[in-house]
Amino acid sequence: MGDRVRLSKYFPPDFDPSLIPRYNRPRDQRIRIMLPITVQCSSCAEVLHRGTNFNNAKKEIAQDINYLGINIYRFSFKCSSCSSQIVYRTDPEKADYALEDGA
């Protein structure tokens, strides 16, 4: 049984890991957080309550747009019933969240 699972791999003596191509493309940061506010979907009128877990895409709006040195982030997720996109962002001036689209 121990022969089937190999923990070590063979690397030839002339192997150079720096020659392996790396793809550094910008991606959305996917995070799983709870909804901070209760929202109602504008397309299907489904109410999504505060504390419901969703997979959100987190983006920084811009480096030069901030409030007292605090960055502003935009979060987007899909409605659980109709799959339309809902977007909200942080509002550090009011210490709250501002809905942008879909709710």
PDB file of N, CA and C in Angstrom:
ATOM      1  N   MET A   1       0.817  -1.190   0.000  1.00  0.00           N
ATOM      2  CA  MET A   1       0.000   0.000   0.000  1.00  0.00           C
ATOM      3  C   MET A   1       0.865   1.260   0.000  1.00  0.00           C
ATOM      4  N   GLY A   2       1.999   1.233   0.663  1.00  0.00           N
ATOM      5  CA  GLY A   2       2.845   2.408   0.751  1.00  0.00           C
ATOM      6  C   GLY A   2       3.490   2.777  -0.569  1.00  0.00           C
ATOM      7  N   ASP A   3       3.599   1.811  -1.490  1.00  0.00           N
ATOM      8  CA  ASP A   3       4.204   2.099  -2.784  1.00  0.00           C
ATOM      9  C   ASP A   3       3.322   2.975  -3.656  1.00  0.00           C
ATOM     10  N   ARG A   4       2.027   2.920  -3.455  1.00  0.00           N
ATOM     11  CA  ARG A   4       1.122   3.651  -4.339  1.00  0.00           C
ATOM     12  C   ARG A   4       1.176   5.160  -4.110  1.00  0.00           C
ATOM     13  N   VAL A   5       1.375   5.569  -2.903  1.00  0.00           N
ATOM     14  CA  VAL A   5       1.400   6.987  -2.580  1.00  0.00           C
ATOM     15  C   VAL A   5       2.853   7.423  -2.468  1.00  0.00           C
ATOM     16  N   ARG A   6       3.268   8.296  -3.347  1.00  0.00           N
ATOM     17  CA  ARG A   6       4.640   8.784  -3.322  1.00  0.00           C
ATOM     18  C   ARG A   6       4.640  10.198  -2.790  1.00  0.00           C
ATOM     19  N   LEU A   7       5.403  10.449  -1.775  1.00  0.00           N
ATOM     20  CA  LEU A   7       5.487  11.774  -1.202  1.00  0.00           C
ATOM     21  C   LEU A   7       6.601  12.597  -1.832  1.00  0.00           C
ATOM     22  N   SER A   8       7.572  11.950  -2.431  1.00  0.00           N
ATOM     23  CA  SER A   8       8.666  12.680  -3.057  1.00  0.00           C
ATOM     24  C   SER A   8       8.546  12.580  -4.573  1.00  0.00           C
ATOM     25  N   LYS A   9       8.967  13.621  -5.244  1.00  0.00           N
ATOM     26  CA  LYS A   9       8.926  13.653  -6.695  1.00  0.00           C
ATOM     27  C   LYS A   9      10.349  13.822  -7.210  1.00  0.00           C
ATOM     28  N   TYR A  10      10.583  13.321  -8.409  1.00  0.00           N
ATOM     29  CA  TYR A  10      11.906  13.400  -9.005  1.00  0.00           C
ATOM     30  C   TYR A  10      12.078  14.716  -9.740  1.00  0.00           C
ATOM     31  N   PHE A  11      13.160  15.418  -9.443  1.00  0.00           N
ATOM     32  CA  PHE A  11      13.533  16.615 -10.168  1.00  0.00           C
ATOM     33  C   PHE A  11      14.884  16.363 -10.820  1.00  0.00           C
ATOM     34  N   PRO A  12      14.984  16.543 -12.128  1.00  0.00           N
ATOM     35  CA  PRO A  12      16.275  16.313 -12.795  1.00  0.00           C
ATOM     36  C   PRO A  12      17.313  17.334 -12.341  1.00  0.00           C
ATOM     37  N   PRO A  13      18.586  17.032 -12.475  1.00  0.00           N
ATOM     38  CA  PRO A  13      19.629  17.941 -11.986  1.00  0.00           C
ATOM     39  C   PRO A  13      19.647  19.291 -12.710  1.00  0.00           C
ATOM     40  N   ASP A  14      19.178  19.331 -13.951  1.00  0.00           N
ATOM     41  CA  ASP A  14      19.211  20.591 -14.691  1.00  0.00           C
ATOM     42  C   ASP A  14      17.893  21.361 -14.583  1.00  0.00           C
ATOM     43  N   PHE A  15      17.035  21.006 -13.638  1.00  0.00           N
ATOM     44  CA  PHE A  15      15.751  21.669 -13.472  1.00  0.00           C
ATOM     45  C   PHE A  15      15.946  23.062 -12.881  1.00  0.00           C
ATOM     46  N   ASP A  16      15.313  24.072 -13.490  1.00  0.00           N
ATOM     47  CA  ASP A  16      15.381  25.446 -13.012  1.00  0.00           C
ATOM     48  C   ASP A  16      13.959  25.964 -12.806  1.00  0.00           C
ATOM     49  N   PRO A  17      13.493  26.135 -11.558  1.00  0.00           N
ATOM     50  CA  PRO A  17      12.112  26.570 -11.318  1.00  0.00           C
ATOM     51  C   PRO A  17      11.835  27.995 -11.795  1.00  0.00           C
ATOM     52  N   SER A  18      12.858  28.811 -12.015  1.00  0.00           N
ATOM     53  CA  SER A  18      12.627  30.179 -12.480  1.00  0.00           C
ATOM     54  C   SER A  18      12.173  30.221 -13.934  1.00  0.00           C
ATOM     55  N   LEU A  19      12.322  29.119 -14.677  1.00  0.00           N
ATOM     56  CA  LEU A  19      11.894  29.075 -16.074  1.00  0.00           C
ATOM     57  C   LEU A  19      10.419  28.729 -16.235  1.00  0.00           C
ATOM     58  N   ILE A  20       9.742  28.366 -15.146  1.00  0.00           N
ATOM     59  CA  ILE A  20       8.325  28.050 -15.213  1.00  0.00           C
ATOM     60  C   ILE A  20       7.549  29.362 -15.331  1.00  0.00           C
ATOM     61  N   PRO A  21       6.664  29.497 -16.336  1.00  0.00           N
ATOM     62  CA  PRO A  21       5.929  30.767 -16.483  1.00  0.00           C
ATOM     63  C   PRO A  21       4.918  30.961 -15.364  1.00  0.00           C
ATOM     64  N   ARG A  22       4.847  32.169 -14.860  1.00  0.00           N
ATOM     65  CA  ARG A  22       3.897  32.536 -13.819  1.00  0.00           C
ATOM     66  C   ARG A  22       2.918  33.536 -14.404  1.00  0.00           C
ATOM     67  N   TYR A  23       1.670  33.382 -14.065  1.00  0.00           N
ATOM     68  CA  TYR A  23       0.642  34.277 -14.558  1.00  0.00           C
ATOM     69  C   TYR A  23       0.168  35.154 -13.414  1.00  0.00           C
ATOM     70  N   ASN A  24       0.554  36.395 -13.461  1.00  0.00           N
ATOM     71  CA  ASN A  24       0.168  37.347 -12.416  1.00  0.00           C
ATOM     72  C   ASN A  24      -0.873  38.301 -12.978  1.00  0.00           C
ATOM     73  N   ARG A  25      -2.056  37.803 -13.176  1.00  0.00           N
ATOM     74  CA  ARG A  25      -3.119  38.661 -13.666  1.00  0.00           C
ATOM     75  C   ARG A  25      -3.947  39.155 -12.484  1.00  0.00           C
ATOM     76  N   PRO A  26      -4.454  40.368 -12.586  1.00  0.00           N
ATOM     77  CA  PRO A  26      -5.263  40.878 -11.472  1.00  0.00           C
ATOM     78  C   PRO A  26      -6.588  40.137 -11.381  1.00  0.00           C
ATOM     79  N   ARG A  27      -6.937  39.717 -10.218  1.00  0.00           N
ATOM     80  CA  ARG A  27      -8.178  38.992  -9.973  1.00  0.00           C
ATOM     81  C   ARG A  27      -8.972  39.705  -8.898  1.00  0.00           C
ATOM     82  N   ASP A  28     -10.268  39.470  -8.913  1.00  0.00           N
ATOM     83  CA  ASP A  28     -11.085  39.955  -7.818  1.00  0.00           C
ATOM     84  C   ASP A  28     -10.779  39.114  -6.590  1.00  0.00           C
ATOM     85  N   GLN A  29     -10.749  39.751  -5.481  1.00  0.00           N
ATOM     86  CA  GLN A  29     -10.537  39.017  -4.242  1.00  0.00           C
ATOM     87  C   GLN A  29     -11.887  38.467  -3.802  1.00  0.00           C
ATOM     88  N   ARG A  30     -12.005  37.147  -3.767  1.00  0.00           N
ATOM     89  CA  ARG A  30     -13.253  36.503  -3.365  1.00  0.00           C
ATOM     90  C   ARG A  30     -13.196  36.215  -1.871  1.00  0.00           C
ATOM     91  N   ILE A  31     -14.183  36.738  -1.157  1.00  0.00           N
ATOM     92  CA  ILE A  31     -14.255  36.509   0.280  1.00  0.00           C
ATOM     93  C   ILE A  31     -15.662  36.091   0.641  1.00  0.00           C
ATOM     94  N   ARG A  32     -15.802  35.400   1.743  1.00  0.00           N
ATOM     95  CA  ARG A  32     -17.115  34.967   2.230  1.00  0.00           C
ATOM     96  C   ARG A  32     -17.393  35.711   3.521  1.00  0.00           C
ATOM     97  N   ILE A  33     -18.331  36.639   3.451  1.00  0.00           N
ATOM     98  CA  ILE A  33     -18.685  37.426   4.628  1.00  0.00           C
ATOM     99  C   ILE A  33     -20.201  37.478   4.776  1.00  0.00           C
ATOM    100  N   MET A  34     -20.627  37.924   5.927  1.00  0.00           N
ATOM    101  CA  MET A  34     -22.053  38.096   6.185  1.00  0.00           C
ATOM    102  C   MET A  34     -22.494  39.462   5.675  1.00  0.00           C
ATOM    103  N   LEU A  35     -23.747  39.548   5.279  1.00  0.00           N
ATOM    104  CA  LEU A  35     -24.287  40.831   4.852  1.00  0.00           C
ATOM    105  C   LEU A  35     -24.332  41.782   6.038  1.00  0.00           C
ATOM    106  N   PRO A  36     -23.805  42.990   5.878  1.00  0.00           N
ATOM    107  CA  PRO A  36     -23.831  43.935   6.999  1.00  0.00           C
ATOM    108  C   PRO A  36     -25.168  44.643   7.162  1.00  0.00           C
ATOM    109  N   ILE A  37     -25.995  44.637   6.121  1.00  0.00           N
ATOM    110  CA  ILE A  37     -27.279  45.331   6.148  1.00  0.00           C
ATOM    111  C   ILE A  37     -28.333  44.457   5.490  1.00  0.00           C
ATOM    112  N   THR A  38     -29.579  44.706   5.797  1.00  0.00           N
ATOM    113  CA  THR A  38     -30.671  44.004   5.137  1.00  0.00           C
ATOM    114  C   THR A  38     -30.973  44.713   3.822  1.00  0.00           C
ATOM    115  N   VAL A  39     -31.000  43.948   2.730  1.00  0.00           N
ATOM    116  CA  VAL A  39     -31.254  44.528   1.416  1.00  0.00           C
ATOM    117  C   VAL A  39     -32.400  43.784   0.748  1.00  0.00           C
ATOM    118  N   GLN A  40     -33.044  44.471  -0.193  1.00  0.00           N
ATOM    119  CA  GLN A  40     -34.104  43.859  -0.984  1.00  0.00           C
ATOM    120  C   GLN A  40     -33.697  43.938  -2.447  1.00  0.00           C
ATOM    121  N   CYS A  41     -33.719  42.805  -3.123  1.00  0.00           N
ATOM    122  CA  CYS A  41     -33.335  42.738  -4.522  1.00  0.00           C
ATOM    123  C   CYS A  41     -34.326  43.546  -5.355  1.00  0.00           C
ATOM    124  N   SER A  42     -33.804  44.344  -6.282  1.00  0.00           N
ATOM    125  CA  SER A  42     -34.683  45.200  -7.077  1.00  0.00           C
ATOM    126  C   SER A  42     -35.360  44.445  -8.217  1.00  0.00           C
ATOM    127  N   SER A  43     -34.848  43.281  -8.597  1.00  0.00           N
ATOM    128  CA  SER A  43     -35.462  42.561  -9.715  1.00  0.00           C
ATOM    129  C   SER A  43     -36.494  41.530  -9.274  1.00  0.00           C
ATOM    130  N   CYS A  44     -36.278  40.875  -8.141  1.00  0.00           N
ATOM    131  CA  CYS A  44     -37.231  39.841  -7.716  1.00  0.00           C
ATOM    132  C   CYS A  44     -37.896  40.149  -6.377  1.00  0.00           C
ATOM    133  N   ALA A  45     -37.525  41.234  -5.730  1.00  0.00           N
ATOM    134  CA  ALA A  45     -38.076  41.672  -4.442  1.00  0.00           C
ATOM    135  C   ALA A  45     -37.804  40.694  -3.302  1.00  0.00           C
ATOM    136  N   GLU A  46     -36.786  39.868  -3.436  1.00  0.00           N
ATOM    137  CA  GLU A  46     -36.368  38.958  -2.367  1.00  0.00           C
ATOM    138  C   GLU A  46     -35.639  39.763  -1.294  1.00  0.00           C
ATOM    139  N   VAL A  47     -35.991  39.549  -0.033  1.00  0.00           N
ATOM    140  CA  VAL A  47     -35.340  40.250   1.071  1.00  0.00           C
ATOM    141  C   VAL A  47     -34.188  39.390   1.569  1.00  0.00           C
ATOM    142  N   LEU A  48     -32.983  39.949   1.536  1.00  0.00           N
ATOM    143  CA  LEU A  48     -31.787  39.268   2.022  1.00  0.00           C
ATOM    144  C   LEU A  48     -31.417  39.913   3.349  1.00  0.00           C
ATOM    145  N   HIS A  49     -31.558  39.153   4.411  1.00  0.00           N
ATOM    146  CA  HIS A  49     -31.428  39.704   5.753  1.00  0.00           C
ATOM    147  C   HIS A  49     -29.975  39.846   6.175  1.00  0.00           C
ATOM    148  N   ARG A  50     -29.779  40.730   7.110  1.00  0.00           N
ATOM    149  CA  ARG A  50     -28.459  40.963   7.690  1.00  0.00           C
ATOM    150  C   ARG A  50     -27.969  39.675   8.354  1.00  0.00           C
ATOM    151  N   GLY A  51     -26.695  39.336   8.128  1.00  0.00           N
ATOM    152  CA  GLY A  51     -26.118  38.145   8.728  1.00  0.00           C
ATOM    153  C   GLY A  51     -26.141  36.932   7.818  1.00  0.00           C
ATOM    154  N   THR A  52     -26.696  37.052   6.611  1.00  0.00           N
ATOM    155  CA  THR A  52     -26.702  35.941   5.662  1.00  0.00           C
ATOM    156  C   THR A  52     -25.331  35.852   5.008  1.00  0.00           C
ATOM    157  N   ASN A  53     -24.757  34.666   4.930  1.00  0.00           N
ATOM    158  CA  ASN A  53     -23.444  34.477   4.321  1.00  0.00           C
ATOM    159  C   ASN A  53     -23.531  34.499   2.803  1.00  0.00           C
ATOM    160  N   PHE A  54     -22.612  35.222   2.173  1.00  0.00           N
ATOM    161  CA  PHE A  54     -22.516  35.276   0.729  1.00  0.00           C
ATOM    162  C   PHE A  54     -21.057  35.291   0.330  1.00  0.00           C
ATOM    163  N   ASN A  55     -20.780  34.789  -0.877  1.00  0.00           N
ATOM    164  CA  ASN A  55     -19.456  34.925  -1.469  1.00  0.00           C
ATOM    165  C   ASN A  55     -19.418  36.267  -2.182  1.00  0.00           C
ATOM    166  N   ASN A  56     -18.582  37.175  -1.702  1.00  0.00           N
ATOM    167  CA  ASN A  56     -18.501  38.516  -2.249  1.00  0.00           C
ATOM    168  C   ASN A  56     -17.217  38.685  -3.038  1.00  0.00           C
ATOM    169  N   ALA A  57     -17.268  39.524  -4.059  1.00  0.00           N
ATOM    170  CA  ALA A  57     -16.070  39.956  -4.765  1.00  0.00           C
ATOM    171  C   ALA A  57     -15.690  41.318  -4.203  1.00  0.00           C
ATOM    172  N   LYS A  58     -14.463  41.438  -3.717  1.00  0.00           N
ATOM    173  CA  LYS A  58     -14.012  42.668  -3.065  1.00  0.00           C
ATOM    174  C   LYS A  58     -13.040  43.386  -3.995  1.00  0.00           C
ATOM    175  N   LYS A  59     -13.328  44.663  -4.277  1.00  0.00           N
ATOM    176  CA  LYS A  59     -12.445  45.477  -5.110  1.00  0.00           C
ATOM    177  C   LYS A  59     -12.178  46.792  -4.394  1.00  0.00           C
ATOM    178  N   GLU A  60     -10.959  47.277  -4.558  1.00  0.00           N
ATOM    179  CA  GLU A  60     -10.647  48.608  -4.048  1.00  0.00           C
ATOM    180  C   GLU A  60     -11.032  49.606  -5.127  1.00  0.00           C
ATOM    181  N   ILE A  61     -11.796  50.632  -4.772  1.00  0.00           N
ATOM    182  CA  ILE A  61     -12.314  51.561  -5.776  1.00  0.00           C
ATOM    183  C   ILE A  61     -11.169  52.295  -6.471  1.00  0.00           C
ATOM    184  N   ALA A  62     -10.332  52.972  -5.745  1.00  0.00           N
ATOM    185  CA  ALA A  62      -9.164  53.650  -6.307  1.00  0.00           C
ATOM    186  C   ALA A  62      -8.205  53.977  -5.176  1.00  0.00           C
ATOM    187  N   GLN A  63      -6.934  54.112  -5.521  1.00  0.00           N
ATOM    188  CA  GLN A  63      -5.944  54.427  -4.501  1.00  0.00           C
ATOM    189  C   GLN A  63      -6.085  55.864  -4.009  1.00  0.00           C
ATOM    190  N   ASP A  64      -6.480  56.782  -4.904  1.00  0.00           N
ATOM    191  CA  ASP A  64      -6.532  58.186  -4.521  1.00  0.00           C
ATOM    192  C   ASP A  64      -7.858  58.576  -3.872  1.00  0.00           C
ATOM    193  N   ILE A  65      -8.871  57.708  -3.939  1.00  0.00           N
ATOM    194  CA  ILE A  65     -10.148  58.001  -3.295  1.00  0.00           C
ATOM    195  C   ILE A  65     -10.161  57.337  -1.921  1.00  0.00           C
ATOM    196  N   ASN A  66     -10.063  58.125  -0.893  1.00  0.00           N
ATOM    197  CA  ASN A  66     -10.134  57.602   0.464  1.00  0.00           C
ATOM    198  C   ASN A  66     -10.676  58.690   1.380  1.00  0.00           C
ATOM    199  N   TYR A  67     -10.979  58.300   2.590  1.00  0.00           N
ATOM    200  CA  TYR A  67     -11.494  59.234   3.584  1.00  0.00           C
ATOM    201  C   TYR A  67     -10.588  59.166   4.803  1.00  0.00           C
ATOM    202  N   LEU A  68      -9.840  60.223   5.035  1.00  0.00           N
ATOM    203  CA  LEU A  68      -8.895  60.310   6.157  1.00  0.00           C
ATOM    204  C   LEU A  68      -7.917  59.136   6.154  1.00  0.00           C
ATOM    205  N   GLY A  69      -7.491  58.717   4.984  1.00  0.00           N
ATOM    206  CA  GLY A  69      -6.535  57.625   4.856  1.00  0.00           C
ATOM    207  C   GLY A  69      -7.145  56.237   4.879  1.00  0.00           C
ATOM    208  N   ILE A  70      -8.467  56.126   4.963  1.00  0.00           N
ATOM    209  CA  ILE A  70      -9.150  54.834   4.979  1.00  0.00           C
ATOM    210  C   ILE A  70      -9.598  54.513   3.559  1.00  0.00           C
ATOM    211  N   ASN A  71      -9.195  53.373   3.040  1.00  0.00           N
ATOM    212  CA  ASN A  71      -9.567  52.977   1.683  1.00  0.00           C
ATOM    213  C   ASN A  71     -11.046  52.624   1.605  1.00  0.00           C
ATOM    214  N   ILE A  72     -11.623  52.846   0.438  1.00  0.00           N
ATOM    215  CA  ILE A  72     -13.027  52.528   0.192  1.00  0.00           C
ATOM    216  C   ILE A  72     -13.078  51.295  -0.689  1.00  0.00           C
ATOM    217  N   TYR A  73     -13.850  50.290  -0.284  1.00  0.00           N
ATOM    218  CA  TYR A  73     -13.950  49.026  -1.010  1.00  0.00           C
ATOM    219  C   TYR A  73     -15.354  48.839  -1.553  1.00  0.00           C
ATOM    220  N   ARG A  74     -15.435  48.135  -2.675  1.00  0.00           N
ATOM    221  CA  ARG A  74     -16.720  47.800  -3.297  1.00  0.00           C
ATOM    222  C   ARG A  74     -16.899  46.287  -3.216  1.00  0.00           C
ATOM    223  N   PHE A  75     -18.073  45.856  -2.773  1.00  0.00           N
ATOM    224  CA  PHE A  75     -18.405  44.444  -2.660  1.00  0.00           C
ATOM    225  C   PHE A  75     -19.563  44.137  -3.600  1.00  0.00           C
ATOM    226  N   SER A  76     -19.497  42.999  -4.262  1.00  0.00           N
ATOM    227  CA  SER A  76     -20.600  42.593  -5.137  1.00  0.00           C
ATOM    228  C   SER A  76     -20.890  41.112  -4.918  1.00  0.00           C
ATOM    229  N   PHE A  77     -22.170  40.767  -4.972  1.00  0.00           N
ATOM    230  CA  PHE A  77     -22.601  39.379  -4.834  1.00  0.00           C
ATOM    231  C   PHE A  77     -23.863  39.196  -5.643  1.00  0.00           C
ATOM    232  N   LYS A  78     -24.300  37.952  -5.775  1.00  0.00           N
ATOM    233  CA  LYS A  78     -25.489  37.651  -6.554  1.00  0.00           C
ATOM    234  C   LYS A  78     -26.640  37.274  -5.628  1.00  0.00           C
ATOM    235  N   CYS A  79     -27.836  37.657  -6.039  1.00  0.00           N
ATOM    236  CA  CYS A  79     -29.040  37.331  -5.289  1.00  0.00           C
ATOM    237  C   CYS A  79     -29.214  35.813  -5.273  1.00  0.00           C
ATOM    238  N   SER A  80     -29.666  35.287  -4.156  1.00  0.00           N
ATOM    239  CA  SER A  80     -29.787  33.829  -4.022  1.00  0.00           C
ATOM    240  C   SER A  80     -30.952  33.258  -4.815  1.00  0.00           C
ATOM    241  N   SER A  81     -31.941  34.071  -5.176  1.00  0.00           N
ATOM    242  CA  SER A  81     -33.096  33.527  -5.893  1.00  0.00           C
ATOM    243  C   SER A  81     -33.077  33.820  -7.392  1.00  0.00           C
ATOM    244  N   CYS A  82     -32.616  35.013  -7.804  1.00  0.00           N
ATOM    245  CA  CYS A  82     -32.680  35.345  -9.236  1.00  0.00           C
ATOM    246  C   CYS A  82     -31.314  35.551  -9.876  1.00  0.00           C
ATOM    247  N   SER A  83     -30.239  35.493  -9.112  1.00  0.00           N
ATOM    248  CA  SER A  83     -28.858  35.631  -9.586  1.00  0.00           C
ATOM    249  C   SER A  83     -28.545  36.989 -10.204  1.00  0.00           C
ATOM    250  N   SER A  84     -29.286  38.017  -9.851  1.00  0.00           N
ATOM    251  CA  SER A  84     -28.910  39.361 -10.294  1.00  0.00           C
ATOM    252  C   SER A  84     -27.860  39.915  -9.332  1.00  0.00           C
ATOM    253  N   GLN A  85     -27.012  40.795  -9.840  1.00  0.00           N
ATOM    254  CA  GLN A  85     -25.885  41.281  -9.061  1.00  0.00           C
ATOM    255  C   GLN A  85     -26.292  42.465  -8.185  1.00  0.00           C
ATOM    256  N   ILE A  86     -25.842  42.434  -6.932  1.00  0.00           N
ATOM    257  CA  ILE A  86     -26.080  43.504  -5.968  1.00  0.00           C
ATOM    258  C   ILE A  86     -24.724  44.042  -5.536  1.00  0.00           C
ATOM    259  N   VAL A  87     -24.564  45.357  -5.559  1.00  0.00           N
ATOM    260  CA  VAL A  87     -23.277  45.993  -5.284  1.00  0.00           C
ATOM    261  C   VAL A  87     -23.449  47.003  -4.158  1.00  0.00           C
ATOM    262  N   TYR A  88     -22.531  46.959  -3.187  1.00  0.00           N
ATOM    263  CA  TYR A  88     -22.490  47.969  -2.135  1.00  0.00           C
ATOM    264  C   TYR A  88     -21.041  48.297  -1.842  1.00  0.00           C
ATOM    265  N   ARG A  89     -20.813  49.435  -1.210  1.00  0.00           N
ATOM    266  CA  ARG A  89     -19.453  49.864  -0.904  1.00  0.00           C
ATOM    267  C   ARG A  89     -19.386  50.381   0.527  1.00  0.00           C
ATOM    268  N   THR A  90     -18.171  50.472   1.032  1.00  0.00           N
ATOM    269  CA  THR A  90     -17.981  51.006   2.370  1.00  0.00           C
ATOM    270  C   THR A  90     -18.104  52.525   2.333  1.00  0.00           C
ATOM    271  N   ASP A  91     -18.608  53.088   3.398  1.00  0.00           N
ATOM    272  CA  ASP A  91     -18.744  54.535   3.533  1.00  0.00           C
ATOM    273  C   ASP A  91     -18.144  54.936   4.878  1.00  0.00           C
ATOM    274  N   PRO A  92     -16.821  55.135   4.941  1.00  0.00           N
ATOM    275  CA  PRO A  92     -16.190  55.409   6.227  1.00  0.00           C
ATOM    276  C   PRO A  92     -16.566  56.762   6.822  1.00  0.00           C
ATOM    277  N   GLU A  93     -17.054  57.688   5.998  1.00  0.00           N
ATOM    278  CA  GLU A  93     -17.450  58.991   6.524  1.00  0.00           C
ATOM    279  C   GLU A  93     -18.641  58.862   7.471  1.00  0.00           C
ATOM    280  N   LYS A  94     -19.582  57.976   7.129  1.00  0.00           N
ATOM    281  CA  LYS A  94     -20.762  57.754   7.965  1.00  0.00           C
ATOM    282  C   LYS A  94     -20.661  56.472   8.786  1.00  0.00           C
ATOM    283  N   ALA A  95     -19.534  55.764   8.658  1.00  0.00           N
ATOM    284  CA  ALA A  95     -19.310  54.482   9.351  1.00  0.00           C
ATOM    285  C   ALA A  95     -20.421  53.490   9.019  1.00  0.00           C
ATOM    286  N   ASP A  96     -20.725  53.365   7.724  1.00  0.00           N
ATOM    287  CA  ASP A  96     -21.825  52.523   7.263  1.00  0.00           C
ATOM    288  C   ASP A  96     -21.490  52.003   5.873  1.00  0.00           C
ATOM    289  N   TYR A  97     -22.468  51.411   5.232  1.00  0.00           N
ATOM    290  CA  TYR A  97     -22.344  50.913   3.871  1.00  0.00           C
ATOM    291  C   TYR A  97     -23.335  51.648   2.992  1.00  0.00           C
ATOM    292  N   ALA A  98     -22.964  51.857   1.722  1.00  0.00           N
ATOM    293  CA  ALA A  98     -23.840  52.542   0.779  1.00  0.00           C
ATOM    294  C   ALA A  98     -24.151  51.579  -0.366  1.00  0.00           C
ATOM    295  N   LEU A  99     -25.441  51.394  -0.649  1.00  0.00           N
ATOM    296  CA  LEU A  99     -25.843  50.535  -1.757  1.00  0.00           C
ATOM    297  C   LEU A  99     -25.644  51.273  -3.055  1.00  0.00           C
ATOM    298  N   GLU A 100     -25.110  50.575  -4.061  1.00  0.00           N
ATOM    299  CA  GLU A 100     -24.846  51.199  -5.349  1.00  0.00           C
ATOM    300  C   GLU A 100     -25.776  50.683  -6.439  1.00  0.00           C
ATOM    301  N   ASP A 101     -25.983  49.376  -6.508  1.00  0.00           N
ATOM    302  CA  ASP A 101     -26.731  48.836  -7.621  1.00  0.00           C
ATOM    303  C   ASP A 101     -27.424  47.532  -7.215  1.00  0.00           C
ATOM    304  N   GLY A 102     -28.606  47.315  -7.751  1.00  0.00           N
ATOM    305  CA  GLY A 102     -29.301  46.047  -7.596  1.00  0.00           C
ATOM    306  C   GLY A 102     -30.185  45.905  -6.377  1.00  0.00           C
ATOM    307  N   ALA A 103     -30.210  46.888  -5.509  1.00  0.00           N
ATOM    308  CA  ALA A 103     -31.037  46.790  -4.303  1.00  0.00           C
ATOM    309  C   ALA A 103     -31.782  48.083  -4.051  1.00  0.00           C
TER     310      ALA A 103
END
